[in-house]
């Protein structure tokens, strides 16, 4: 049985701070089993400005190409002070 690529967390944000682009992205991944929504980041009284998803690297690359640079999709890295 072939192994499946490991899932990685990715930060997704609209490149031009366009909430509509991010909302369309969220709608598009609802029925995509290869992408799991982990968290949304933004004000409690408004739409999120950033989302965290979990997927494999190949699917993340497909999402980047599909969105034609309207979204920034980057691996989620731990933050450090230094």
PDB file of N, CA and C in Angstrom:
ATOM      1  N   UNK A   1       0.856  -1.185   0.000  1.00  0.00           N
ATOM      2  CA  UNK A   1       0.000   0.000   0.000  1.00  0.00           C
ATOM      3  C   UNK A   1       0.894   1.237   0.000  1.00  0.00           C
ATOM      4  N   UNK A   2       0.712   2.164  -0.962  1.00  0.00           N
ATOM      5  CA  UNK A   2       1.544   3.361  -0.992  1.00  0.00           C
ATOM      6  C   UNK A   2       1.237   4.265   0.187  1.00  0.00           C
ATOM      7  N   UNK A   3       2.285   4.914   0.675  1.00  0.00           N
ATOM      8  CA  UNK A   3       2.077   5.826   1.795  1.00  0.00           C
ATOM      9  C   UNK A   3       1.570   7.168   1.279  1.00  0.00           C
ATOM     10  N   UNK A   4       0.798   7.839   2.102  1.00  0.00           N
ATOM     11  CA  UNK A   4       0.290   9.161   1.733  1.00  0.00           C
ATOM     12  C   UNK A   4       1.213  10.209   2.337  1.00  0.00           C
ATOM     13  N   UNK A   5       1.397  11.333   1.665  1.00  0.00           N
ATOM     14  CA  UNK A   5       2.265  12.377   2.200  1.00  0.00           C
ATOM     15  C   UNK A   5       1.728  12.901   3.523  1.00  0.00           C
ATOM     16  N   UNK A   6       2.629  13.270   4.397  1.00  0.00           N
ATOM     17  CA  UNK A   6       2.245  13.798   5.702  1.00  0.00           C
ATOM     18  C   UNK A   6       1.567  15.149   5.545  1.00  0.00           C
ATOM     19  N   UNK A   7       0.570  15.375   6.377  1.00  0.00           N
ATOM     20  CA  UNK A   7      -0.107  16.667   6.368  1.00  0.00           C
ATOM     21  C   UNK A   7       0.729  17.689   7.123  1.00  0.00           C
ATOM     22  N   UNK A   8       0.659  18.909   6.642  1.00  0.00           N
ATOM     23  CA  UNK A   8       1.374  20.030   7.230  1.00  0.00           C
ATOM     24  C   UNK A   8       0.381  21.164   7.419  1.00  0.00           C
ATOM     25  N   UNK A   9       0.604  21.981   8.407  1.00  0.00           N
ATOM     26  CA  UNK A   9      -0.259  23.151   8.605  1.00  0.00           C
ATOM     27  C   UNK A   9       0.242  24.307   7.760  1.00  0.00           C
ATOM     28  N   UNK A  10      -0.727  25.038   7.193  1.00  0.00           N
ATOM     29  CA  UNK A  10      -0.429  26.190   6.351  1.00  0.00           C
ATOM     30  C   UNK A  10      -1.256  27.376   6.808  1.00  0.00           C
ATOM     31  N   UNK A  11      -0.649  28.557   6.747  1.00  0.00           N
ATOM     32  CA  UNK A  11      -1.324  29.819   7.011  1.00  0.00           C
ATOM     33  C   UNK A  11      -1.820  30.336   5.665  1.00  0.00           C
ATOM     34  N   UNK A  12      -3.094  30.719   5.607  1.00  0.00           N
ATOM     35  CA  UNK A  12      -3.680  31.226   4.361  1.00  0.00           C
ATOM     36  C   UNK A  12      -4.257  32.602   4.634  1.00  0.00           C
ATOM     37  N   UNK A  13      -3.883  33.552   3.773  1.00  0.00           N
ATOM     38  CA  UNK A  13      -4.326  34.941   3.933  1.00  0.00           C
ATOM     39  C   UNK A  13      -4.491  35.566   2.557  1.00  0.00           C
ATOM     40  N   UNK A  14      -5.462  36.438   2.403  1.00  0.00           N
ATOM     41  CA  UNK A  14      -5.645  37.138   1.128  1.00  0.00           C
ATOM     42  C   UNK A  14      -4.466  38.066   0.888  1.00  0.00           C
ATOM     43  N   UNK A  15      -3.918  38.029  -0.312  1.00  0.00           N
ATOM     44  CA  UNK A  15      -2.744  38.840  -0.639  1.00  0.00           C
ATOM     45  C   UNK A  15      -3.046  40.333  -0.581  1.00  0.00           C
ATOM     46  N   UNK A  16      -4.256  40.736  -0.906  1.00  0.00           N
ATOM     47  CA  UNK A  16      -4.622  42.158  -0.926  1.00  0.00           C
ATOM     48  C   UNK A  16      -5.616  42.508   0.176  1.00  0.00           C
ATOM     49  N   UNK A  17      -5.592  41.769   1.278  1.00  0.00           N
ATOM     50  CA  UNK A  17      -6.540  41.989   2.378  1.00  0.00           C
ATOM     51  C   UNK A  17      -7.981  42.043   1.886  1.00  0.00           C
ATOM     52  N   UNK A  18      -8.316  41.141   0.981  1.00  0.00           N
ATOM     53  CA  UNK A  18      -9.654  41.059   0.394  1.00  0.00           C
ATOM     54  C   UNK A  18     -10.413  39.924   1.078  1.00  0.00           C
ATOM     55  N   UNK A  19     -11.328  40.279   1.982  1.00  0.00           N
ATOM     56  CA  UNK A  19     -12.078  39.265   2.724  1.00  0.00           C
ATOM     57  C   UNK A  19     -12.906  38.372   1.808  1.00  0.00           C
ATOM     58  N   UNK A  20     -13.351  38.885   0.674  1.00  0.00           N
ATOM     59  CA  UNK A  20     -14.160  38.086  -0.248  1.00  0.00           C
ATOM     60  C   UNK A  20     -13.341  36.939  -0.839  1.00  0.00           C
ATOM     61  N   UNK A  21     -12.074  37.185  -1.134  1.00  0.00           N
ATOM     62  CA  UNK A  21     -11.204  36.134  -1.672  1.00  0.00           C
ATOM     63  C   UNK A  21     -11.029  35.023  -0.642  1.00  0.00           C
ATOM     64  N   UNK A  22     -10.793  35.388   0.604  1.00  0.00           N
ATOM     65  CA  UNK A  22     -10.628  34.392   1.652  1.00  0.00           C
ATOM     66  C   UNK A  22     -11.939  33.638   1.898  1.00  0.00           C
ATOM     67  N   UNK A  23     -13.063  34.335   1.849  1.00  0.00           N
ATOM     68  CA  UNK A  23     -14.366  33.680   2.030  1.00  0.00           C
ATOM     69  C   UNK A  23     -14.623  32.667   0.917  1.00  0.00           C
ATOM     70  N   UNK A  24     -14.282  33.010  -0.328  1.00  0.00           N
ATOM     71  CA  UNK A  24     -14.440  32.056  -1.438  1.00  0.00           C
ATOM     72  C   UNK A  24     -13.544  30.838  -1.244  1.00  0.00           C
ATOM     73  N   UNK A  25     -12.326  31.082  -0.759  1.00  0.00           N
ATOM     74  CA  UNK A  25     -11.421  29.970  -0.481  1.00  0.00           C
ATOM     75  C   UNK A  25     -12.023  29.040   0.566  1.00  0.00           C
ATOM     76  N   UNK A  26     -12.546  29.606   1.650  1.00  0.00           N
ATOM     77  CA  UNK A  26     -13.165  28.788   2.702  1.00  0.00           C
ATOM     78  C   UNK A  26     -14.325  27.968   2.151  1.00  0.00           C
ATOM     79  N   UNK A  27     -15.146  28.577   1.304  1.00  0.00           N
ATOM     80  CA  UNK A  27     -16.248  27.840   0.683  1.00  0.00           C
ATOM     81  C   UNK A  27     -15.728  26.709  -0.192  1.00  0.00           C
ATOM     82  N   UNK A  28     -14.633  26.953  -0.896  1.00  0.00           N
ATOM     83  CA  UNK A  28     -14.112  25.963  -1.839  1.00  0.00           C
ATOM     84  C   UNK A  28     -13.503  24.751  -1.156  1.00  0.00           C
ATOM     85  N   UNK A  29     -13.039  24.889   0.088  1.00  0.00           N
ATOM     86  CA  UNK A  29     -12.411  23.742   0.751  1.00  0.00           C
ATOM     87  C   UNK A  29     -13.381  22.941   1.611  1.00  0.00           C
ATOM     88  N   UNK A  30     -14.599  23.402   1.754  1.00  0.00           N
ATOM     89  CA  UNK A  30     -15.564  22.679   2.598  1.00  0.00           C
ATOM     90  C   UNK A  30     -15.759  21.234   2.172  1.00  0.00           C
ATOM     91  N   UNK A  31     -15.804  21.004   0.881  1.00  0.00           N
ATOM     92  CA  UNK A  31     -16.025  19.658   0.371  1.00  0.00           C
ATOM     93  C   UNK A  31     -14.750  19.046  -0.188  1.00  0.00           C
ATOM     94  N   UNK A  32     -13.612  19.518   0.282  1.00  0.00           N
ATOM     95  CA  UNK A  32     -12.327  18.994  -0.162  1.00  0.00           C
ATOM     96  C   UNK A  32     -11.725  18.170   0.970  1.00  0.00           C
ATOM     97  N   UNK A  33     -11.810  16.851   0.886  1.00  0.00           N
ATOM     98  CA  UNK A  33     -11.319  16.026   1.995  1.00  0.00           C
ATOM     99  C   UNK A  33      -9.811  16.132   2.229  1.00  0.00           C
ATOM    100  N   UNK A  34      -9.056  16.567   1.233  1.00  0.00           N
ATOM    101  CA  UNK A  34      -7.602  16.676   1.382  1.00  0.00           C
ATOM    102  C   UNK A  34      -7.180  17.906   2.168  1.00  0.00           C
ATOM    103  N   UNK A  35      -8.136  18.804   2.472  1.00  0.00           N
ATOM    104  CA  UNK A  35      -7.824  20.037   3.204  1.00  0.00           C
ATOM    105  C   UNK A  35      -8.731  20.109   4.426  1.00  0.00           C
ATOM    106  N   UNK A  36      -8.109  20.286   5.596  1.00  0.00           N
ATOM    107  CA  UNK A  36      -8.880  20.384   6.840  1.00  0.00           C
ATOM    108  C   UNK A  36      -8.665  21.768   7.441  1.00  0.00           C
ATOM    109  N   UNK A  37      -9.757  22.469   7.725  1.00  0.00           N
ATOM    110  CA  UNK A  37      -9.698  23.771   8.386  1.00  0.00           C
ATOM    111  C   UNK A  37      -9.352  23.537   9.851  1.00  0.00           C
ATOM    112  N   UNK A  38      -8.271  24.164  10.306  1.00  0.00           N
ATOM    113  CA  UNK A  38      -7.811  24.000  11.687  1.00  0.00           C
ATOM    114  C   UNK A  38      -8.290  25.151  12.555  1.00  0.00           C
ATOM    115  N   UNK A  39      -8.174  26.390  12.032  1.00  0.00           N
ATOM    116  CA  UNK A  39      -8.511  27.557  12.844  1.00  0.00           C
ATOM    117  C   UNK A  39      -8.757  28.759  11.941  1.00  0.00           C
ATOM    118  N   UNK A  40      -9.526  29.702  12.449  1.00  0.00           N
ATOM    119  CA  UNK A  40      -9.700  30.993  11.783  1.00  0.00           C
ATOM    120  C   UNK A  40      -9.184  32.059  12.728  1.00  0.00           C
ATOM    121  N   UNK A  41      -8.595  33.107  12.152  1.00  0.00           N
ATOM    122  CA  UNK A  41      -8.004  34.179  12.954  1.00  0.00           C
ATOM    123  C   UNK A  41      -8.584  35.501  12.477  1.00  0.00           C
ATOM    124  N   UNK A  42      -9.095  36.274  13.406  1.00  0.00           N
ATOM    125  CA  UNK A  42      -9.674  37.558  13.069  1.00  0.00           C
ATOM    126  C   UNK A  42     -10.567  38.047  14.184  1.00  0.00           C
ATOM    127  N   UNK A  43     -11.177  39.198  13.977  1.00  0.00           N
ATOM    128  CA  UNK A  43     -12.035  39.768  15.021  1.00  0.00           C
ATOM    129  C   UNK A  43     -13.260  38.900  15.255  1.00  0.00           C
ATOM    130  N   UNK A  44     -13.732  38.878  16.478  1.00  0.00           N
ATOM    131  CA  UNK A  44     -14.904  38.054  16.798  1.00  0.00           C
ATOM    132  C   UNK A  44     -16.171  38.583  16.127  1.00  0.00           C
ATOM    133  N   UNK A  45     -16.197  39.866  15.802  1.00  0.00           N
ATOM    134  CA  UNK A  45     -17.399  40.468  15.206  1.00  0.00           C
ATOM    135  C   UNK A  45     -17.305  40.603  13.686  1.00  0.00           C
ATOM    136  N   UNK A  46     -16.330  39.972  13.074  1.00  0.00           N
ATOM    137  CA  UNK A  46     -16.191  40.121  11.626  1.00  0.00           C
ATOM    138  C   UNK A  46     -15.612  38.875  10.988  1.00  0.00           C
ATOM    139  N   UNK A  47     -15.395  38.947   9.699  1.00  0.00           N
ATOM    140  CA  UNK A  47     -14.856  37.777   9.007  1.00  0.00           C
ATOM    141  C   UNK A  47     -13.377  37.581   9.362  1.00  0.00           C
ATOM    142  N   UNK A  48     -12.890  36.343   9.253  1.00  0.00           N
ATOM    143  CA  UNK A  48     -11.477  36.111   9.541  1.00  0.00           C
ATOM    144  C   UNK A  48     -10.583  36.755   8.481  1.00  0.00           C
ATOM    145  N   UNK A  49      -9.389  37.136   8.879  1.00  0.00           N
ATOM    146  CA  UNK A  49      -8.419  37.669   7.926  1.00  0.00           C
ATOM    147  C   UNK A  49      -7.370  36.619   7.569  1.00  0.00           C
ATOM    148  N   UNK A  50      -7.314  35.549   8.365  1.00  0.00           N
ATOM    149  CA  UNK A  50      -6.327  34.492   8.176  1.00  0.00           C
ATOM    150  C   UNK A  50      -6.958  33.172   8.602  1.00  0.00           C
ATOM    151  N   UNK A  51      -6.583  32.098   7.917  1.00  0.00           N
ATOM    152  CA  UNK A  51      -7.026  30.770   8.331  1.00  0.00           C
ATOM    153  C   UNK A  51      -5.822  29.842   8.380  1.00  0.00           C
ATOM    154  N   UNK A  52      -5.955  28.811   9.184  1.00  0.00           N
ATOM    155  CA  UNK A  52      -4.940  27.765   9.268  1.00  0.00           C
ATOM    156  C   UNK A  52      -5.589  26.488   8.749  1.00  0.00           C
ATOM    157  N   UNK A  53      -4.941  25.878   7.767  1.00  0.00           N
ATOM    158  CA  UNK A  53      -5.440  24.622   7.204  1.00  0.00           C
ATOM    159  C   UNK A  53      -4.363  23.559   7.332  1.00  0.00           C
ATOM    160  N   UNK A  54      -4.791  22.316   7.236  1.00  0.00           N
ATOM    161  CA  UNK A  54      -3.864  21.203   7.247  1.00  0.00           C
ATOM    162  C   UNK A  54      -4.061  20.424   5.959  1.00  0.00           C
ATOM    163  N   UNK A  55      -2.966  20.197   5.238  1.00  0.00           N
ATOM    164  CA  UNK A  55      -3.022  19.455   3.989  1.00  0.00           C
ATOM    165  C   UNK A  55      -1.621  18.965   3.654  1.00  0.00           C
ATOM    166  N   UNK A  56      -1.508  18.201   2.596  1.00  0.00           N
ATOM    167  CA  UNK A  56      -0.190  17.745   2.169  1.00  0.00           C
ATOM    168  C   UNK A  56       0.451  18.806   1.268  1.00  0.00           C
ATOM    169  N   UNK A  57       1.763  18.778   1.111  1.00  0.00           N
ATOM    170  CA  UNK A  57       2.449  19.808   0.319  1.00  0.00           C
ATOM    171  C   UNK A  57       1.968  19.900  -1.137  1.00  0.00           C
ATOM    172  N   UNK A  58       1.662  18.782  -1.769  1.00  0.00           N
ATOM    173  CA  UNK A  58       1.205  18.818  -3.167  1.00  0.00           C
ATOM    174  C   UNK A  58      -0.136  19.535  -3.289  1.00  0.00           C
ATOM    175  N   UNK A  59      -1.043  19.291  -2.365  1.00  0.00           N
ATOM    176  CA  UNK A  59      -2.343  19.964  -2.389  1.00  0.00           C
ATOM    177  C   UNK A  59      -2.172  21.451  -2.106  1.00  0.00           C
ATOM    178  N   UNK A  60      -1.275  21.808  -1.197  1.00  0.00           N
ATOM    179  CA  UNK A  60      -1.021  23.226  -0.916  1.00  0.00           C
ATOM    180  C   UNK A  60      -0.518  23.925  -2.175  1.00  0.00           C
ATOM    181  N   UNK A  61       0.350  23.266  -2.921  1.00  0.00           N
ATOM    182  CA  UNK A  61       0.863  23.860  -4.160  1.00  0.00           C
ATOM    183  C   UNK A  61      -0.261  24.014  -5.191  1.00  0.00           C
ATOM    184  N   UNK A  62      -1.145  23.029  -5.277  1.00  0.00           N
ATOM    185  CA  UNK A  62      -2.296  23.133  -6.196  1.00  0.00           C
ATOM    186  C   UNK A  62      -3.187  24.302  -5.805  1.00  0.00           C
ATOM    187  N   UNK A  63      -3.405  24.493  -4.510  1.00  0.00           N
ATOM    188  CA  UNK A  63      -4.228  25.614  -4.041  1.00  0.00           C
ATOM    189  C   UNK A  63      -3.589  26.946  -4.412  1.00  0.00           C
ATOM    190  N   UNK A  64      -2.275  27.044  -4.276  1.00  0.00           N
ATOM    191  CA  UNK A  64      -1.572  28.279  -4.657  1.00  0.00           C
ATOM    192  C   UNK A  64      -1.794  28.582  -6.134  1.00  0.00           C
ATOM    193  N   UNK A  65      -1.632  27.567  -6.960  1.00  0.00           N
ATOM    194  CA  UNK A  65      -1.788  27.772  -8.403  1.00  0.00           C
ATOM    195  C   UNK A  65      -3.237  28.100  -8.758  1.00  0.00           C
ATOM    196  N   UNK A  66      -4.174  27.456  -8.099  1.00  0.00           N
ATOM    197  CA  UNK A  66      -5.592  27.648  -8.394  1.00  0.00           C
ATOM    198  C   UNK A  66      -6.069  29.050  -8.028  1.00  0.00           C
ATOM    199  N   UNK A  67      -5.442  29.661  -7.035  1.00  0.00           N
ATOM    200  CA  UNK A  67      -5.898  30.977  -6.583  1.00  0.00           C
ATOM    201  C   UNK A  67      -5.191  32.123  -7.291  1.00  0.00           C
ATOM    202  N   UNK A  68      -4.298  31.822  -8.213  1.00  0.00           N
ATOM    203  CA  UNK A  68      -3.642  32.840  -9.048  1.00  0.00           C
ATOM    204  C   UNK A  68      -3.062  33.988  -8.229  1.00  0.00           C
ATOM    205  N   UNK A  69      -2.327  33.648  -7.180  1.00  0.00           N
ATOM    206  CA  UNK A  69      -1.640  34.627  -6.329  1.00  0.00           C
ATOM    207  C   UNK A  69      -2.578  35.569  -5.587  1.00  0.00           C
ATOM    208  N   UNK A  70      -3.865  35.242  -5.512  1.00  0.00           N
ATOM    209  CA  UNK A  70      -4.778  36.057  -4.711  1.00  0.00           C
ATOM    210  C   UNK A  70      -4.652  35.727  -3.230  1.00  0.00           C
ATOM    211  N   UNK A  71      -4.091  34.552  -2.939  1.00  0.00           N
ATOM    212  CA  UNK A  71      -3.893  34.139  -1.560  1.00  0.00           C
ATOM    213  C   UNK A  71      -2.422  33.863  -1.308  1.00  0.00           C
ATOM    214  N   UNK A  72      -1.988  34.149  -0.099  1.00  0.00           N
ATOM    215  CA  UNK A  72      -0.658  33.744   0.347  1.00  0.00           C
ATOM    216  C   UNK A  72      -0.864  32.450   1.133  1.00  0.00           C
ATOM    217  N   UNK A  73      -0.207  31.401   0.715  1.00  0.00           N
ATOM    218  CA  UNK A  73      -0.300  30.107   1.385  1.00  0.00           C
ATOM    219  C   UNK A  73       1.117  29.724   1.770  1.00  0.00           C
ATOM    220  N   UNK A  74       1.389  29.724   3.075  1.00  0.00           N
ATOM    221  CA  UNK A  74       2.732  29.485   3.572  1.00  0.00           C
ATOM    222  C   UNK A  74       2.700  28.442   4.669  1.00  0.00           C
ATOM    223  N   UNK A  75       3.770  27.631   4.778  1.00  0.00           N
ATOM    224  CA  UNK A  75       3.827  26.680   5.878  1.00  0.00           C
ATOM    225  C   UNK A  75       3.761  27.419   7.225  1.00  0.00           C
ATOM    226  N   UNK A  76       3.043  26.840   8.158  1.00  0.00           N
ATOM    227  CA  UNK A  76       2.927  27.408   9.496  1.00  0.00           C
ATOM    228  C   UNK A  76       4.180  27.019  10.264  1.00  0.00           C
ATOM    229  N   UNK A  77       4.928  27.999  10.704  1.00  0.00           N
ATOM    230  CA  UNK A  77       6.164  27.760  11.448  1.00  0.00           C
ATOM    231  C   UNK A  77       5.998  28.253  12.873  1.00  0.00           C
ATOM    232  N   UNK A  78       6.634  27.553  13.799  1.00  0.00           N
ATOM    233  CA  UNK A  78       6.569  28.029  15.192  1.00  0.00           C
ATOM    234  C   UNK A  78       7.213  29.406  15.308  1.00  0.00           C
ATOM    235  N   UNK A  79       6.639  30.234  16.135  1.00  0.00           N
ATOM    236  CA  UNK A  79       7.195  31.570  16.364  1.00  0.00           C
ATOM    237  C   UNK A  79       8.257  31.492  17.460  1.00  0.00           C
ATOM    238  N   UNK A  80       9.273  32.307  17.323  1.00  0.00           N
ATOM    239  CA  UNK A  80      10.272  32.406  18.364  1.00  0.00           C
ATOM    240  C   UNK A  80      10.620  33.884  18.556  1.00  0.00           C
ATOM    241  N   UNK A  81      11.078  34.220  19.740  1.00  0.00           N
ATOM    242  CA  UNK A  81      11.414  35.611  20.026  1.00  0.00           C
ATOM    243  C   UNK A  81      12.737  36.010  19.408  1.00  0.00           C
ATOM    244  N   UNK A  82      13.641  35.053  19.197  1.00  0.00           N
ATOM    245  CA  UNK A  82      14.959  35.376  18.654  1.00  0.00           C
ATOM    246  C   UNK A  82      15.356  34.379  17.615  1.00  0.00           C
TER     247      UNK A  82
END
